[in-house]
Structure formats: C-alpha cells, structure tokens
C-alpha cells in the first residue's frame, strides 16, 4: 500500500465538503420551490445529484485508490469505475440539455408543443442508465489482466482500449458536438436578432413582437448560461482524461505525480464549483438559494415567478397555430 499524500488528501476532503454542501443546497432549493421545476432545471438538478455523489462517494473512492486500495480486483474496479460513471452521467446530461436548448432556440413552436417535463425526466433517466453502462464496462470484463501484487491503480486495472474508447466517447466527441450546437445556436440567434431589428424598425408599437422578443431573449440567456456550465465541465475534466489517454498509448511515459493529482483535484473541483455557477448565472436558482440559506421568503422570488408566469402565458398564446 502506498503512503497517504497529505496535501492531496486535504485538498480532496475540502473539495468533497464543498460538493456535498453546495449541491445539497441546490437540491433542497429545487425541492422547496415549485417555481424552479421547469424543464431545463431538471437537468441542472440531475447534475447536482451526480456532483453530490462525487463528494459523498466518488472522492472517498479516489482517496482509497490513491493508496492502492482495495486489493480485491472487482472491489477495485467498482471504486474506480464509480467516478467514471458519475462523470459520464454528467456529460450525457450536458449533451441532453444542450440538445434541449438547441431545439428550444431553433424550433420554438415544435419545442413548446412536444417537449414536456415528463419527457425531460425520461431523458435524464436514459442518461443515468447509459452512464452506468459505459462506466461499469470494466466490471463486465473490459479491464486489464490482473497483476501480482494487485494494486488498485487506475492505469493498472483499466484496459488501454477502454481508456481510448472513454476518451473519445465521453470527452472528445461530446465536446465537439456541444461546440457545434452552441456555435450554430449563436449564428442562428444573431441572424434572428438582425431580422427583428429590421422588423421593429418598420413596425410601430407591435405588442406581439415585443412579447416574442422578450421570450426569445430569455431562451438565449438561459442557453448562454448553460454554455458556461458546459465549458467549465470540459475545462475541468479534459486534462485528466487526456493524461489517461496519453498513458494508454505511451506506456513508457511517466506523468509526474503532482501533475496527476492536480488534474484529479481539478476534475473533482467541478462538482464543488457548479453550485456557484448556478447561483451566479441562473437568477431563479440564485434567489431560491438565498431563500434556503436565509430561511426567509424573498419578495424578488415572488416577483420573478409572477413575471415568468405572465410572460410564459403570453408566449404560449402567441405560439399556438
């Protein structure tokens, strides 16, 4: 058994505490406030649950693996695969919410008619099942041959072909897909705003255009905020997966332990900092979190709900054809 790396362990414990506290607040806020139960927010809560599990279970498993425990092959594969499962679930949820935003922006009428909360919940369940299947493939036999003595180290028990598959299936391809989605959304929205400016310049006091314009701006703002969350996730996880990919192809490459530990901490830090992103960029979550922390109803939260309900009703009336 390797000796415990004290600085690494302290950092991981602090990150775990931040992930547990922050994501617990997000989940409690969602449970208390019916106003938050919109389709897009279900994906956010799914991410929060995955991040909470990273703090509660994933990081303790990573600490065990850092000292080569557990020694039993399948117990080792389970502890290491668990973090892969949670990361993969998060990636799939981010892809799902990006597709949701893509549909909402490019095909708003069809989106309003066809996409319901139940559909969003089913999509999230599919993300969790697929994430579990992909992450636990090593437990199903896709792992490296056992060695003697058996040490529970990621690169020792994971099959190199699986690491390559994981790198492209859960990082590279989703990152390219998400970049394409948001680039196309940006281009389409820019063209739409230019057209609306031209129409507004030739139409005086048109309430329908104003309502549709306000609804479009809300959708665009939500998409911008989610794109920041997606970008942050990729920044946090890409270095670690890239190192694993390099080690899969270059068996003689020796990655310095401080660099490896820093990349592991960075990947886990994503789970602790996501609640801060929600609080900073998503106004409804920010107000609800203030309510949870302060224990007092926020008047601005009531006003936000009233405004959103009014605008939503107006938009729906205009969207029926």
C-alpha atoms as a PDB file:
ATOM      1  CA  UNK A   1       0.000   0.000   0.000  1.00  0.00           C
ATOM      2  CA  UNK A   2       1.313   3.443  -0.932  1.00  0.00           C
ATOM      3  CA  UNK A   3       1.626   6.127   1.725  1.00  0.00           C
ATOM      4  CA  UNK A   4      -1.090   8.763   2.002  1.00  0.00           C
ATOM      5  CA  UNK A   5      -0.295  12.023   0.210  1.00  0.00           C
ATOM      6  CA  UNK A   6      -1.308  14.572   2.853  1.00  0.00           C
ATOM      7  CA  UNK A   7      -1.652  17.734   0.669  1.00  0.00           C
ATOM      8  CA  UNK A   8      -3.644  15.787  -1.933  1.00  0.00           C
ATOM      9  CA  UNK A   9      -5.860  14.246   0.757  1.00  0.00           C
ATOM     10  CA  UNK A  10      -6.583  17.608   2.425  1.00  0.00           C
ATOM     11  CA  UNK A  11      -7.492  19.176  -0.927  1.00  0.00           C
ATOM     12  CA  UNK A  12      -9.797  16.272  -1.776  1.00  0.00           C
ATOM     13  CA  UNK A  13     -11.551  16.464   1.610  1.00  0.00           C
ATOM     14  CA  UNK A  14     -12.142  20.212   1.198  1.00  0.00           C
ATOM     15  CA  UNK A  15     -13.478  19.679  -2.338  1.00  0.00           C
ATOM     16  CA  UNK A  16     -15.746  16.875  -1.089  1.00  0.00           C
ATOM     17  CA  UNK A  17     -17.177  19.117   1.652  1.00  0.00           C
ATOM     18  CA  UNK A  18     -17.809  21.896  -0.867  1.00  0.00           C
ATOM     19  CA  UNK A  19     -19.503  19.474  -3.279  1.00  0.00           C
ATOM     20  CA  UNK A  20     -21.752  17.992  -0.590  1.00  0.00           C
ATOM     21  CA  UNK A  21     -22.803  21.330   0.938  1.00  0.00           C
ATOM     22  CA  UNK A  22     -23.260  23.243  -2.329  1.00  0.00           C
ATOM     23  CA  UNK A  23     -25.144  20.556  -4.225  1.00  0.00           C
ATOM     24  CA  UNK A  24     -27.304  19.697  -1.211  1.00  0.00           C
ATOM     25  CA  UNK A  25     -28.435  23.345  -1.156  1.00  0.00           C
ATOM     26  CA  UNK A  26     -29.254  23.201  -4.885  1.00  0.00           C
ATOM     27  CA  UNK A  27     -31.319  20.022  -4.442  1.00  0.00           C
ATOM     28  CA  UNK A  28     -33.128  21.396  -1.363  1.00  0.00           C
ATOM     29  CA  UNK A  29     -33.894  24.655  -3.197  1.00  0.00           C
ATOM     30  CA  UNK A  30     -35.328  22.705  -6.129  1.00  0.00           C
ATOM     31  CA  UNK A  31     -37.420  20.565  -3.777  1.00  0.00           C
ATOM     32  CA  UNK A  32     -38.819  23.555  -1.888  1.00  0.00           C
ATOM     33  CA  UNK A  33     -39.511  25.902  -4.769  1.00  0.00           C
ATOM     34  CA  UNK A  34     -42.102  24.755  -7.297  1.00  0.00           C
ATOM     35  CA  UNK A  35     -41.110  27.769  -9.390  1.00  0.00           C
ATOM     36  CA  UNK A  36     -37.810  26.040 -10.188  1.00  0.00           C
ATOM     37  CA  UNK A  37     -39.465  22.953 -11.651  1.00  0.00           C
ATOM     38  CA  UNK A  38     -39.019  23.931 -15.249  1.00  0.00           C
ATOM     39  CA  UNK A  39     -37.725  21.527 -17.876  1.00  0.00           C
ATOM     40  CA  UNK A  40     -34.198  22.920 -18.086  1.00  0.00           C
ATOM     41  CA  UNK A  41     -33.813  22.952 -14.300  1.00  0.00           C
ATOM     42  CA  UNK A  42     -34.428  19.194 -14.098  1.00  0.00           C
ATOM     43  CA  UNK A  43     -31.159  18.702 -15.981  1.00  0.00           C
ATOM     44  CA  UNK A  44     -29.427  21.067 -13.549  1.00  0.00           C
ATOM     45  CA  UNK A  45     -30.710  19.052 -10.573  1.00  0.00           C
ATOM     46  CA  UNK A  46     -29.585  15.818 -12.238  1.00  0.00           C
ATOM     47  CA  UNK A  47     -26.085  17.315 -12.483  1.00  0.00           C
ATOM     48  CA  UNK A  48     -26.329  18.390  -8.834  1.00  0.00           C
ATOM     49  CA  UNK A  49     -27.224  14.828  -7.752  1.00  0.00           C
ATOM     50  CA  UNK A  50     -24.252  13.431  -9.695  1.00  0.00           C
ATOM     51  CA  UNK A  51     -21.976  16.093  -8.167  1.00  0.00           C
ATOM     52  CA  UNK A  52     -23.319  15.320  -4.684  1.00  0.00           C
ATOM     53  CA  UNK A  53     -22.457  11.644  -5.196  1.00  0.00           C
ATOM     54  CA  UNK A  54     -18.949  12.662  -6.300  1.00  0.00           C
ATOM     55  CA  UNK A  55     -18.489  14.360  -2.922  1.00  0.00           C
ATOM     56  CA  UNK A  56     -20.138  11.621  -0.862  1.00  0.00           C
ATOM     57  CA  UNK A  57     -18.823   8.512  -2.616  1.00  0.00           C
ATOM     58  CA  UNK A  58     -16.565   9.319  -5.568  1.00  0.00           C
ATOM     59  CA  UNK A  59     -13.852  11.290  -3.767  1.00  0.00           C
ATOM     60  CA  UNK A  60     -13.559   8.770  -0.872  1.00  0.00           C
ATOM     61  CA  UNK A  61     -13.131   6.047  -3.519  1.00  0.00           C
ATOM     62  CA  UNK A  62     -10.449   8.155  -5.239  1.00  0.00           C
ATOM     63  CA  UNK A  63      -8.614   8.535  -1.918  1.00  0.00           C
ATOM     64  CA  UNK A  64      -8.667   4.758  -1.456  1.00  0.00           C
ATOM     65  CA  UNK A  65      -7.353   4.241  -4.988  1.00  0.00           C
ATOM     66  CA  UNK A  66      -4.551   6.765  -4.363  1.00  0.00           C
ATOM     67  CA  UNK A  67      -3.046   4.346  -1.832  1.00  0.00           C
ATOM     68  CA  UNK A  68      -3.721   1.228  -3.930  1.00  0.00           C
ATOM     69  CA  UNK A  69      -6.863   0.049  -2.120  1.00  0.00           C
ATOM     70  CA  UNK A  70      -8.924  -2.100  -2.231  1.00  0.00           C
ATOM     71  CA  UNK A  71      -6.731  -5.052  -3.248  1.00  0.00           C
ATOM     72  CA  UNK A  72      -9.592  -7.262  -4.494  1.00  0.00           C
ATOM     73  CA  UNK A  73      -9.859  -6.838  -8.287  1.00  0.00           C
ATOM     74  CA  UNK A  74     -13.621  -6.336  -8.579  1.00  0.00           C
ATOM     75  CA  UNK A  75     -13.854  -4.144  -5.493  1.00  0.00           C
ATOM     76  CA  UNK A  76     -11.091  -2.037  -7.031  1.00  0.00           C
ATOM     77  CA  UNK A  77     -12.847  -1.897 -10.402  1.00  0.00           C
ATOM     78  CA  UNK A  78     -16.069  -0.807  -8.691  1.00  0.00           C
ATOM     79  CA  UNK A  79     -14.461   2.047  -6.731  1.00  0.00           C
ATOM     80  CA  UNK A  80     -12.580   3.332  -9.780  1.00  0.00           C
ATOM     81  CA  UNK A  81     -15.484   2.865 -12.200  1.00  0.00           C
ATOM     82  CA  UNK A  82     -17.873   4.766  -9.926  1.00  0.00           C
ATOM     83  CA  UNK A  83     -16.213   8.106 -10.668  1.00  0.00           C
ATOM     84  CA  UNK A  84     -16.244   7.274 -14.379  1.00  0.00           C
ATOM     85  CA  UNK A  85     -19.982   6.565 -14.101  1.00  0.00           C
ATOM     86  CA  UNK A  86     -20.707   9.912 -12.416  1.00  0.00           C
ATOM     87  CA  UNK A  87     -18.579  11.818 -14.934  1.00  0.00           C
ATOM     88  CA  UNK A  88     -20.252  10.047 -17.860  1.00  0.00           C
ATOM     89  CA  UNK A  89     -23.733  10.745 -16.467  1.00  0.00           C
ATOM     90  CA  UNK A  90     -22.836  14.429 -16.162  1.00  0.00           C
ATOM     91  CA  UNK A  91     -21.541  14.535 -19.738  1.00  0.00           C
ATOM     92  CA  UNK A  92     -24.679  12.844 -21.090  1.00  0.00           C
ATOM     93  CA  UNK A  93     -26.909  15.229 -19.105  1.00  0.00           C
ATOM     94  CA  UNK A  94     -24.977  18.208 -20.501  1.00  0.00           C
ATOM     95  CA  UNK A  95     -25.407  16.863 -24.028  1.00  0.00           C
ATOM     96  CA  UNK A  96     -29.132  16.329 -23.358  1.00  0.00           C
ATOM     97  CA  UNK A  97     -29.682  19.841 -22.003  1.00  0.00           C
ATOM     98  CA  UNK A  98     -27.709  21.270 -24.936  1.00  0.00           C
ATOM     99  CA  UNK A  99     -29.976  19.420 -27.379  1.00  0.00           C
ATOM    100  CA  UNK A 100     -32.924  20.770 -25.374  1.00  0.00           C
ATOM    101  CA  UNK A 101     -31.615  24.347 -25.776  1.00  0.00           C
ATOM    102  CA  UNK A 102     -30.847  23.733 -29.458  1.00  0.00           C
ATOM    103  CA  UNK A 103     -34.420  22.607 -30.099  1.00  0.00           C
ATOM    104  CA  UNK A 104     -35.902  25.427 -27.991  1.00  0.00           C
ATOM    105  CA  UNK A 105     -33.967  28.118 -29.877  1.00  0.00           C
ATOM    106  CA  UNK A 106     -34.162  26.779 -33.433  1.00  0.00           C
ATOM    107  CA  UNK A 107     -37.648  25.207 -33.342  1.00  0.00           C
ATOM    108  CA  UNK A 108     -39.567  27.056 -30.599  1.00  0.00           C
ATOM    109  CA  UNK A 109     -43.075  26.148 -31.806  1.00  0.00           C
ATOM    110  CA  UNK A 110     -42.366  22.419 -32.060  1.00  0.00           C
ATOM    111  CA  UNK A 111     -40.470  22.505 -28.773  1.00  0.00           C
ATOM    112  CA  UNK A 112     -43.389  24.136 -26.909  1.00  0.00           C
ATOM    113  CA  UNK A 113     -45.836  21.549 -28.302  1.00  0.00           C
ATOM    114  CA  UNK A 114     -43.799  18.353 -27.961  1.00  0.00           C
ATOM    115  CA  UNK A 115     -41.343  18.668 -25.064  1.00  0.00           C
ATOM    116  CA  UNK A 116     -42.876  18.134 -21.626  1.00  0.00           C
ATOM    117  CA  UNK A 117     -41.418  17.765 -18.143  1.00  0.00           C
ATOM    118  CA  UNK A 118     -42.080  14.013 -18.249  1.00  0.00           C
ATOM    119  CA  UNK A 119     -40.046  13.717 -21.440  1.00  0.00           C
ATOM    120  CA  UNK A 120     -37.169  15.608 -19.775  1.00  0.00           C
ATOM    121  CA  UNK A 121     -37.314  13.205 -16.801  1.00  0.00           C
ATOM    122  CA  UNK A 122     -37.237  10.185 -19.116  1.00  0.00           C
ATOM    123  CA  UNK A 123     -34.260  11.628 -20.988  1.00  0.00           C
ATOM    124  CA  UNK A 124     -32.437  12.129 -17.669  1.00  0.00           C
ATOM    125  CA  UNK A 125     -33.166   8.512 -16.668  1.00  0.00           C
ATOM    126  CA  UNK A 126     -31.728   7.338 -20.001  1.00  0.00           C
ATOM    127  CA  UNK A 127     -28.599   9.447 -19.330  1.00  0.00           C
ATOM    128  CA  UNK A 128     -28.149   7.767 -15.945  1.00  0.00           C
ATOM    129  CA  UNK A 129     -28.645   4.259 -17.342  1.00  0.00           C
ATOM    130  CA  UNK A 130     -26.258   4.829 -20.273  1.00  0.00           C
ATOM    131  CA  UNK A 131     -23.719   6.458 -17.949  1.00  0.00           C
ATOM    132  CA  UNK A 132     -23.905   3.431 -15.660  1.00  0.00           C
ATOM    133  CA  UNK A 133     -23.420   1.011 -18.545  1.00  0.00           C
ATOM    134  CA  UNK A 134     -20.442   2.896 -20.034  1.00  0.00           C
ATOM    135  CA  UNK A 135     -18.791   3.497 -16.653  1.00  0.00           C
ATOM    136  CA  UNK A 136     -19.195  -0.052 -15.370  1.00  0.00           C
ATOM    137  CA  UNK A 137     -17.952  -1.785 -18.547  1.00  0.00           C
ATOM    138  CA  UNK A 138     -14.705  -2.729 -16.718  1.00  0.00           C
ATOM    139  CA  UNK A 139     -16.814  -4.656 -14.172  1.00  0.00           C
ATOM    140  CA  UNK A 140     -18.374  -6.549 -17.086  1.00  0.00           C
ATOM    141  CA  UNK A 141     -14.963  -7.792 -18.228  1.00  0.00           C
ATOM    142  CA  UNK A 142     -13.352  -4.902 -20.119  1.00  0.00           C
ATOM    143  CA  UNK A 143     -10.369  -4.489 -17.800  1.00  0.00           C
ATOM    144  CA  UNK A 144      -6.646  -5.182 -17.765  1.00  0.00           C
ATOM    145  CA  UNK A 145      -5.397  -8.652 -16.767  1.00  0.00           C
ATOM    146  CA  UNK A 146      -4.783  -8.979 -13.007  1.00  0.00           C
ATOM    147  CA  UNK A 147      -1.234  -8.344 -11.814  1.00  0.00           C
ATOM    148  CA  UNK A 148       0.700  -9.553  -8.787  1.00  0.00           C
ATOM    149  CA  UNK A 149       0.785  -7.853  -6.361  1.00  0.00           C
ATOM    150  CA  UNK A 150      -2.678  -6.444  -7.072  1.00  0.00           C
ATOM    151  CA  UNK A 151      -2.630  -2.655  -6.618  1.00  0.00           C
ATOM    152  CA  UNK A 152      -5.791  -0.615  -7.179  1.00  0.00           C
ATOM    153  CA  UNK A 153      -4.334   1.980  -9.540  1.00  0.00           C
ATOM    154  CA  UNK A 154      -6.412   3.405 -12.388  1.00  0.00           C
ATOM    155  CA  UNK A 155      -3.946   2.795 -15.216  1.00  0.00           C
ATOM    156  CA  UNK A 156      -3.079  -0.686 -13.879  1.00  0.00           C
ATOM    157  CA  UNK A 157      -6.596  -2.133 -13.811  1.00  0.00           C
ATOM    158  CA  UNK A 158      -8.194  -0.310 -16.767  1.00  0.00           C
ATOM    159  CA  UNK A 159      -7.749  -1.770 -20.243  1.00  0.00           C
ATOM    160  CA  UNK A 160      -5.967   0.687 -22.542  1.00  0.00           C
ATOM    161  CA  UNK A 161      -8.525   0.200 -25.320  1.00  0.00           C
ATOM    162  CA  UNK A 162     -11.264   1.079 -22.832  1.00  0.00           C
ATOM    163  CA  UNK A 163      -9.413   4.280 -21.873  1.00  0.00           C
ATOM    164  CA  UNK A 164      -9.195   5.268 -25.547  1.00  0.00           C
ATOM    165  CA  UNK A 165     -12.896   4.494 -26.018  1.00  0.00           C
ATOM    166  CA  UNK A 166     -13.742   6.507 -22.891  1.00  0.00           C
ATOM    167  CA  UNK A 167     -11.675   9.491 -24.024  1.00  0.00           C
ATOM    168  CA  UNK A 168     -13.401   9.776 -27.393  1.00  0.00           C
ATOM    169  CA  UNK A 169     -16.902   8.644 -26.368  1.00  0.00           C
ATOM    170  CA  UNK A 170     -17.270  10.789 -23.248  1.00  0.00           C
ATOM    171  CA  UNK A 171     -14.937  13.754 -23.784  1.00  0.00           C
ATOM    172  CA  UNK A 172     -13.788  14.429 -27.362  1.00  0.00           C
ATOM    173  CA  UNK A 173     -16.964  13.603 -29.303  1.00  0.00           C
ATOM    174  CA  UNK A 174     -19.356  15.273 -26.792  1.00  0.00           C
ATOM    175  CA  UNK A 175     -17.097  18.357 -26.652  1.00  0.00           C
ATOM    176  CA  UNK A 176     -17.140  18.676 -30.463  1.00  0.00           C
ATOM    177  CA  UNK A 177     -20.897  18.063 -30.529  1.00  0.00           C
ATOM    178  CA  UNK A 178     -21.557  20.696 -27.860  1.00  0.00           C
ATOM    179  CA  UNK A 179     -19.280  23.198 -29.603  1.00  0.00           C
ATOM    180  CA  UNK A 180     -21.183  22.640 -32.860  1.00  0.00           C
ATOM    181  CA  UNK A 181     -24.548  23.062 -31.102  1.00  0.00           C
ATOM    182  CA  UNK A 182     -23.667  26.326 -29.409  1.00  0.00           C
ATOM    183  CA  UNK A 183     -21.885  27.733 -32.475  1.00  0.00           C
ATOM    184  CA  UNK A 184     -24.966  27.051 -34.604  1.00  0.00           C
ATOM    185  CA  UNK A 185     -27.272  28.492 -31.917  1.00  0.00           C
ATOM    186  CA  UNK A 186     -25.142  31.640 -31.773  1.00  0.00           C
ATOM    187  CA  UNK A 187     -25.240  32.050 -35.561  1.00  0.00           C
ATOM    188  CA  UNK A 188     -28.996  31.499 -35.793  1.00  0.00           C
ATOM    189  CA  UNK A 189     -29.797  33.817 -32.876  1.00  0.00           C
ATOM    190  CA  UNK A 190     -27.585  36.557 -34.320  1.00  0.00           C
ATOM    191  CA  UNK A 191     -29.431  36.361 -37.641  1.00  0.00           C
ATOM    192  CA  UNK A 192     -32.807  36.329 -35.889  1.00  0.00           C
ATOM    193  CA  UNK A 193     -31.993  39.432 -33.865  1.00  0.00           C
ATOM    194  CA  UNK A 194     -30.892  41.241 -37.030  1.00  0.00           C
ATOM    195  CA  UNK A 195     -34.211  40.356 -38.662  1.00  0.00           C
ATOM    196  CA  UNK A 196     -36.152  41.512 -35.582  1.00  0.00           C
ATOM    197  CA  UNK A 197     -34.308  44.837 -35.608  1.00  0.00           C
ATOM    198  CA  UNK A 198     -35.314  45.333 -39.240  1.00  0.00           C
ATOM    199  CA  UNK A 199     -38.953  44.422 -38.472  1.00  0.00           C
ATOM    200  CA  UNK A 200     -39.037  46.648 -35.374  1.00  0.00           C
ATOM    201  CA  UNK A 201     -37.708  49.498 -37.457  1.00  0.00           C
ATOM    202  CA  UNK A 202     -40.702  49.253 -39.791  1.00  0.00           C
ATOM    203  CA  UNK A 203     -43.387  48.351 -37.225  1.00  0.00           C
ATOM    204  CA  UNK A 204     -44.561  50.732 -34.536  1.00  0.00           C
ATOM    205  CA  UNK A 205     -45.905  49.650 -31.145  1.00  0.00           C
ATOM    206  CA  UNK A 206     -46.350  45.954 -32.020  1.00  0.00           C
ATOM    207  CA  UNK A 207     -47.007  44.118 -28.720  1.00  0.00           C
ATOM    208  CA  UNK A 208     -46.723  40.656 -30.304  1.00  0.00           C
ATOM    209  CA  UNK A 209     -43.186  41.365 -31.491  1.00  0.00           C
ATOM    210  CA  UNK A 210     -42.233  42.703 -28.076  1.00  0.00           C
ATOM    211  CA  UNK A 211     -43.518  39.603 -26.272  1.00  0.00           C
ATOM    212  CA  UNK A 212     -41.871  37.217 -28.724  1.00  0.00           C
ATOM    213  CA  UNK A 213     -38.656  39.231 -28.493  1.00  0.00           C
ATOM    214  CA  UNK A 214     -38.685  39.048 -24.687  1.00  0.00           C
ATOM    215  CA  UNK A 215     -39.345  35.295 -24.762  1.00  0.00           C
ATOM    216  CA  UNK A 216     -36.514  34.806 -27.253  1.00  0.00           C
ATOM    217  CA  UNK A 217     -34.121  36.821 -25.087  1.00  0.00           C
ATOM    218  CA  UNK A 218     -34.943  34.638 -22.068  1.00  0.00           C
ATOM    219  CA  UNK A 219     -34.254  31.473 -24.066  1.00  0.00           C
ATOM    220  CA  UNK A 220     -30.973  32.905 -25.358  1.00  0.00           C
ATOM    221  CA  UNK A 221     -29.906  33.994 -21.873  1.00  0.00           C
ATOM    222  CA  UNK A 222     -30.617  30.515 -20.492  1.00  0.00           C
ATOM    223  CA  UNK A 223     -28.609  28.987 -23.337  1.00  0.00           C
ATOM    224  CA  UNK A 224     -25.657  31.325 -22.709  1.00  0.00           C
ATOM    225  CA  UNK A 225     -25.622  30.408 -19.015  1.00  0.00           C
ATOM    226  CA  UNK A 226     -25.744  26.691 -19.755  1.00  0.00           C
ATOM    227  CA  UNK A 227     -22.924  27.022 -22.292  1.00  0.00           C
ATOM    228  CA  UNK A 228     -20.725  28.427 -19.496  1.00  0.00           C
ATOM    229  CA  UNK A 229     -21.514  25.374 -17.326  1.00  0.00           C
ATOM    230  CA  UNK A 230     -20.678  23.058 -20.248  1.00  0.00           C
ATOM    231  CA  UNK A 231     -17.387  24.864 -20.952  1.00  0.00           C
ATOM    232  CA  UNK A 232     -16.397  24.719 -17.278  1.00  0.00           C
ATOM    233  CA  UNK A 233     -17.077  20.965 -17.182  1.00  0.00           C
ATOM    234  CA  UNK A 234     -14.856  20.336 -20.212  1.00  0.00           C
ATOM    235  CA  UNK A 235     -12.049  22.513 -18.791  1.00  0.00           C
ATOM    236  CA  UNK A 236     -12.132  20.556 -15.517  1.00  0.00           C
ATOM    237  CA  UNK A 237     -12.251  17.039 -16.958  1.00  0.00           C
ATOM    238  CA  UNK A 238     -10.292  17.279 -20.227  1.00  0.00           C
ATOM    239  CA  UNK A 239      -6.773  17.377 -18.625  1.00  0.00           C
ATOM    240  CA  UNK A 240      -7.288  14.177 -16.587  1.00  0.00           C
ATOM    241  CA  UNK A 241      -8.810  12.237 -19.474  1.00  0.00           C
ATOM    242  CA  UNK A 242      -6.040  13.467 -21.782  1.00  0.00           C
ATOM    243  CA  UNK A 243      -3.386  12.194 -19.360  1.00  0.00           C
ATOM    244  CA  UNK A 244      -5.141   8.804 -19.190  1.00  0.00           C
ATOM    245  CA  UNK A 245      -5.288   8.725 -22.996  1.00  0.00           C
ATOM    246  CA  UNK A 246      -1.563   9.534 -23.300  1.00  0.00           C
ATOM    247  CA  UNK A 247      -0.654   6.823 -20.785  1.00  0.00           C
ATOM    248  CA  UNK A 248      -2.804   4.362 -22.719  1.00  0.00           C
ATOM    249  CA  UNK A 249      -0.659   4.859 -25.837  1.00  0.00           C
ATOM    250  CA  UNK A 250       2.680   5.670 -24.226  1.00  0.00           C
ATOM    251  CA  UNK A 251       3.433   3.024 -21.616  1.00  0.00           C
ATOM    252  CA  UNK A 252       6.919   4.461 -21.058  1.00  0.00           C
ATOM    253  CA  UNK A 253       5.610   7.966 -20.332  1.00  0.00           C
ATOM    254  CA  UNK A 254       5.852   8.874 -16.675  1.00  0.00           C
ATOM    255  CA  UNK A 255       3.405  11.592 -15.649  1.00  0.00           C
ATOM    256  CA  UNK A 256       4.666  13.446 -12.546  1.00  0.00           C
ATOM    257  CA  UNK A 257       2.524  12.583  -9.518  1.00  0.00           C
ATOM    258  CA  UNK A 258       1.899  16.256  -8.537  1.00  0.00           C
ATOM    259  CA  UNK A 259       0.575  16.947 -12.065  1.00  0.00           C
ATOM    260  CA  UNK A 260      -1.664  13.874 -11.991  1.00  0.00           C
ATOM    261  CA  UNK A 261      -3.025  14.727  -8.535  1.00  0.00           C
ATOM    262  CA  UNK A 262      -3.658  18.325  -9.618  1.00  0.00           C
ATOM    263  CA  UNK A 263      -5.685  17.120 -12.611  1.00  0.00           C
ATOM    264  CA  UNK A 264      -7.664  14.731 -10.398  1.00  0.00           C
ATOM    265  CA  UNK A 265      -8.455  17.552  -7.946  1.00  0.00           C
ATOM    266  CA  UNK A 266      -9.424  19.841 -10.849  1.00  0.00           C
ATOM    267  CA  UNK A 267     -11.891  17.245 -12.152  1.00  0.00           C
ATOM    268  CA  UNK A 268     -13.473  16.895  -8.699  1.00  0.00           C
ATOM    269  CA  UNK A 269     -13.466  20.663  -8.204  1.00  0.00           C
ATOM    270  CA  UNK A 270     -16.050  20.857 -10.969  1.00  0.00           C
ATOM    271  CA  UNK A 271     -18.559  19.205  -8.619  1.00  0.00           C
ATOM    272  CA  UNK A 272     -17.870  21.724  -5.852  1.00  0.00           C
ATOM    273  CA  UNK A 273     -17.967  24.850  -8.029  1.00  0.00           C
ATOM    274  CA  UNK A 274     -21.012  24.014 -10.151  1.00  0.00           C
ATOM    275  CA  UNK A 275     -23.442  25.282  -7.447  1.00  0.00           C
ATOM    276  CA  UNK A 276     -21.617  28.635  -7.507  1.00  0.00           C
ATOM    277  CA  UNK A 277     -22.114  28.775 -11.279  1.00  0.00           C
ATOM    278  CA  UNK A 278     -25.819  28.074 -10.833  1.00  0.00           C
ATOM    279  CA  UNK A 279     -26.089  30.764  -8.154  1.00  0.00           C
ATOM    280  CA  UNK A 280     -24.190  33.334 -10.216  1.00  0.00           C
ATOM    281  CA  UNK A 281     -25.612  32.725 -13.680  1.00  0.00           C
ATOM    282  CA  UNK A 282     -29.133  31.365 -13.050  1.00  0.00           C
ATOM    283  CA  UNK A 283     -31.275  34.041 -11.401  1.00  0.00           C
ATOM    284  CA  UNK A 284     -34.085  31.753 -10.271  1.00  0.00           C
ATOM    285  CA  UNK A 285     -31.621  29.405  -8.547  1.00  0.00           C
ATOM    286  CA  UNK A 286     -29.779  32.349  -7.009  1.00  0.00           C
ATOM    287  CA  UNK A 287     -32.949  33.687  -5.383  1.00  0.00           C
ATOM    288  CA  UNK A 288     -34.062  30.229  -4.250  1.00  0.00           C
ATOM    289  CA  UNK A 289     -30.645  29.517  -2.695  1.00  0.00           C
ATOM    290  CA  UNK A 290     -30.880  32.812  -0.790  1.00  0.00           C
ATOM    291  CA  UNK A 291     -34.252  31.656   0.475  1.00  0.00           C
ATOM    292  CA  UNK A 292     -32.808  28.298   1.628  1.00  0.00           C
ATOM    293  CA  UNK A 293     -29.756  29.859   3.306  1.00  0.00           C
ATOM    294  CA  UNK A 294     -31.559  32.825   4.899  1.00  0.00           C
ATOM    295  CA  UNK A 295     -34.693  30.880   5.790  1.00  0.00           C
ATOM    296  CA  UNK A 296     -36.856  33.779   4.634  1.00  0.00           C
ATOM    297  CA  UNK A 297     -39.072  34.162   1.606  1.00  0.00           C
ATOM    298  CA  UNK A 298     -37.588  36.553  -0.916  1.00  0.00           C
ATOM    299  CA  UNK A 299     -40.024  39.067  -2.373  1.00  0.00           C
ATOM    300  CA  UNK A 300     -37.959  39.181  -5.548  1.00  0.00           C
ATOM    301  CA  UNK A 301     -38.539  35.435  -5.959  1.00  0.00           C
ATOM    302  CA  UNK A 302     -42.290  36.027  -5.934  1.00  0.00           C
ATOM    303  CA  UNK A 303     -41.947  38.816  -8.459  1.00  0.00           C
ATOM    304  CA  UNK A 304     -39.733  36.652 -10.656  1.00  0.00           C
ATOM    305  CA  UNK A 305     -42.310  33.876 -10.660  1.00  0.00           C
ATOM    306  CA  UNK A 306     -45.133  36.317 -11.398  1.00  0.00           C
ATOM    307  CA  UNK A 307     -43.243  37.857 -14.309  1.00  0.00           C
ATOM    308  CA  UNK A 308     -42.190  34.487 -15.702  1.00  0.00           C
ATOM    309  CA  UNK A 309     -45.735  33.106 -15.463  1.00  0.00           C
ATOM    310  CA  UNK A 310     -47.199  36.165 -17.183  1.00  0.00           C
ATOM    311  CA  UNK A 311     -44.622  36.129 -19.972  1.00  0.00           C
ATOM    312  CA  UNK A 312     -44.909  32.360 -20.377  1.00  0.00           C
ATOM    313  CA  UNK A 313     -48.710  32.562 -20.735  1.00  0.00           C
ATOM    314  CA  UNK A 314     -48.421  35.349 -23.283  1.00  0.00           C
ATOM    315  CA  UNK A 315     -45.785  33.473 -25.241  1.00  0.00           C
ATOM    316  CA  UNK A 316     -47.861  30.266 -25.270  1.00  0.00           C
ATOM    317  CA  UNK A 317     -50.914  32.138 -26.553  1.00  0.00           C
ATOM    318  CA  UNK A 318     -48.851  33.546 -29.374  1.00  0.00           C
ATOM    319  CA  UNK A 319     -47.240  30.167 -30.108  1.00  0.00           C
ATOM    320  CA  UNK A 320     -50.459  28.259 -30.853  1.00  0.00           C
ATOM    321  CA  UNK A 321     -51.260  27.841 -34.519  1.00  0.00           C
END
